[in-house]
Amino acid sequence: MSSCQSCQSRFRTSLLACTALAGLLIWAKLRLVTNFPRTVIADPKQSEQADLSPQEESATPARDPENE
């Protein structure tokens, strides 16, 4: 019987270690994802100015008066 108790104890210890490792990995992943620098946040004023840039106007195809 002592060998069976030893197996159960080893299994419980392994399960606890795996659970702790998984929890640590999830915590680290969340910590990396949620702590992004403030410079990453978009500034709405700059995005509105970017919409009016001349580069975007040149990206639109020219109209063909013959096909209209």
C-alpha atoms as a PDB file:
ATOM      1  CA  MET A   1       0.000   0.000   0.000  1.00  0.00           C
ATOM      2  CA  SER A   2       2.856   2.394   0.655  1.00  0.00           C
ATOM      3  CA  SER A   3       3.867   2.314  -3.019  1.00  0.00           C
ATOM      4  CA  CYS A   4       0.325   3.315  -4.030  1.00  0.00           C
ATOM      5  CA  GLN A   5       0.352   6.242  -1.600  1.00  0.00           C
ATOM      6  CA  SER A   6       3.712   7.264  -3.005  1.00  0.00           C
ATOM      7  CA  CYS A   7       2.268   7.254  -6.536  1.00  0.00           C
ATOM      8  CA  GLN A   8      -0.712   9.341  -5.451  1.00  0.00           C
ATOM      9  CA  SER A   9       1.534  11.799  -3.662  1.00  0.00           C
ATOM     10  CA  ARG A  10       3.801  12.105  -6.697  1.00  0.00           C
ATOM     11  CA  PHE A  11       0.771  12.558  -8.978  1.00  0.00           C
ATOM     12  CA  ARG A  12      -0.679  15.288  -6.774  1.00  0.00           C
ATOM     13  CA  THR A  13       2.658  17.070  -6.589  1.00  0.00           C
ATOM     14  CA  SER A  14       3.089  16.881 -10.379  1.00  0.00           C
ATOM     15  CA  LEU A  15      -0.457  18.116 -10.936  1.00  0.00           C
ATOM     16  CA  LEU A  16       0.096  21.026  -8.562  1.00  0.00           C
ATOM     17  CA  ALA A  17       3.368  21.941 -10.278  1.00  0.00           C
ATOM     18  CA  CYS A  18       1.778  21.819 -13.749  1.00  0.00           C
ATOM     19  CA  THR A  19      -1.166  23.939 -12.581  1.00  0.00           C
ATOM     20  CA  ALA A  20       1.171  26.494 -11.028  1.00  0.00           C
ATOM     21  CA  LEU A  21       3.259  26.614 -14.220  1.00  0.00           C
ATOM     22  CA  ALA A  22       0.161  27.109 -16.382  1.00  0.00           C
ATOM     23  CA  GLY A  23      -1.055  29.870 -14.087  1.00  0.00           C
ATOM     24  CA  LEU A  24       2.323  31.570 -14.208  1.00  0.00           C
ATOM     25  CA  LEU A  25       2.385  31.443 -18.010  1.00  0.00           C
ATOM     26  CA  ILE A  26      -1.135  32.893 -18.262  1.00  0.00           C
ATOM     27  CA  TRP A  27      -0.252  35.635 -15.775  1.00  0.00           C
ATOM     28  CA  ALA A  28       2.914  36.522 -17.715  1.00  0.00           C
ATOM     29  CA  LYS A  29       1.013  36.608 -21.010  1.00  0.00           C
ATOM     30  CA  LEU A  30      -1.654  38.906 -19.572  1.00  0.00           C
ATOM     31  CA  ARG A  31       1.007  41.121 -18.065  1.00  0.00           C
ATOM     32  CA  LEU A  32       2.735  41.494 -21.419  1.00  0.00           C
ATOM     33  CA  VAL A  33      -0.473  42.158 -23.323  1.00  0.00           C
ATOM     34  CA  THR A  34      -2.029  44.670 -20.939  1.00  0.00           C
ATOM     35  CA  ASN A  35       1.064  46.772 -20.176  1.00  0.00           C
ATOM     36  CA  PHE A  36       1.596  48.392 -23.556  1.00  0.00           C
ATOM     37  CA  PRO A  37       3.250  51.800 -23.737  1.00  0.00           C
ATOM     38  CA  ARG A  38       1.021  54.872 -23.839  1.00  0.00           C
ATOM     39  CA  THR A  39       2.564  55.905 -27.156  1.00  0.00           C
ATOM     40  CA  VAL A  40       0.739  53.035 -28.831  1.00  0.00           C
ATOM     41  CA  ILE A  41      -2.662  54.594 -28.150  1.00  0.00           C
ATOM     42  CA  ALA A  42      -3.917  56.447 -31.217  1.00  0.00           C
ATOM     43  CA  ASP A  43      -4.513  60.171 -31.002  1.00  0.00           C
ATOM     44  CA  PRO A  44      -7.900  60.971 -32.627  1.00  0.00           C
ATOM     45  CA  LYS A  45      -6.731  64.430 -33.727  1.00  0.00           C
ATOM     46  CA  GLN A  46      -3.812  62.960 -35.631  1.00  0.00           C
ATOM     47  CA  SER A  47      -5.949  60.285 -37.274  1.00  0.00           C
ATOM     48  CA  GLU A  48      -8.375  62.950 -38.576  1.00  0.00           C
ATOM     49  CA  GLN A  49      -5.460  64.895 -40.038  1.00  0.00           C
ATOM     50  CA  ALA A  50      -4.150  61.736 -41.659  1.00  0.00           C
ATOM     51  CA  ASP A  51      -7.494  61.298 -43.443  1.00  0.00           C
ATOM     52  CA  LEU A  52      -6.986  64.633 -45.202  1.00  0.00           C
ATOM     53  CA  SER A  53      -3.464  63.894 -46.381  1.00  0.00           C
ATOM     54  CA  PRO A  54      -2.710  64.305 -50.123  1.00  0.00           C
ATOM     55  CA  GLN A  55      -1.192  60.830 -50.290  1.00  0.00           C
ATOM     56  CA  GLU A  56      -4.593  59.234 -49.906  1.00  0.00           C
ATOM     57  CA  GLU A  57      -6.061  61.423 -52.637  1.00  0.00           C
ATOM     58  CA  SER A  58      -3.443  60.215 -55.105  1.00  0.00           C
ATOM     59  CA  ALA A  59      -4.133  56.611 -54.133  1.00  0.00           C
ATOM     60  CA  THR A  60      -7.661  56.778 -55.592  1.00  0.00           C
ATOM     61  CA  PRO A  61      -7.913  55.804 -59.254  1.00  0.00           C
ATOM     62  CA  ALA A  62      -8.425  58.624 -61.752  1.00  0.00           C
ATOM     63  CA  ARG A  63     -11.838  58.905 -63.379  1.00  0.00           C
ATOM     64  CA  ASP A  64     -12.131  58.105 -67.026  1.00  0.00           C
ATOM     65  CA  PRO A  65     -14.540  60.590 -68.659  1.00  0.00           C
ATOM     66  CA  GLU A  66     -15.117  58.284 -71.640  1.00  0.00           C
ATOM     67  CA  ASN A  67     -16.678  55.577 -69.457  1.00  0.00           C
ATOM     68  CA  GLU A  68     -19.075  57.869 -67.605  1.00  0.00           C
END
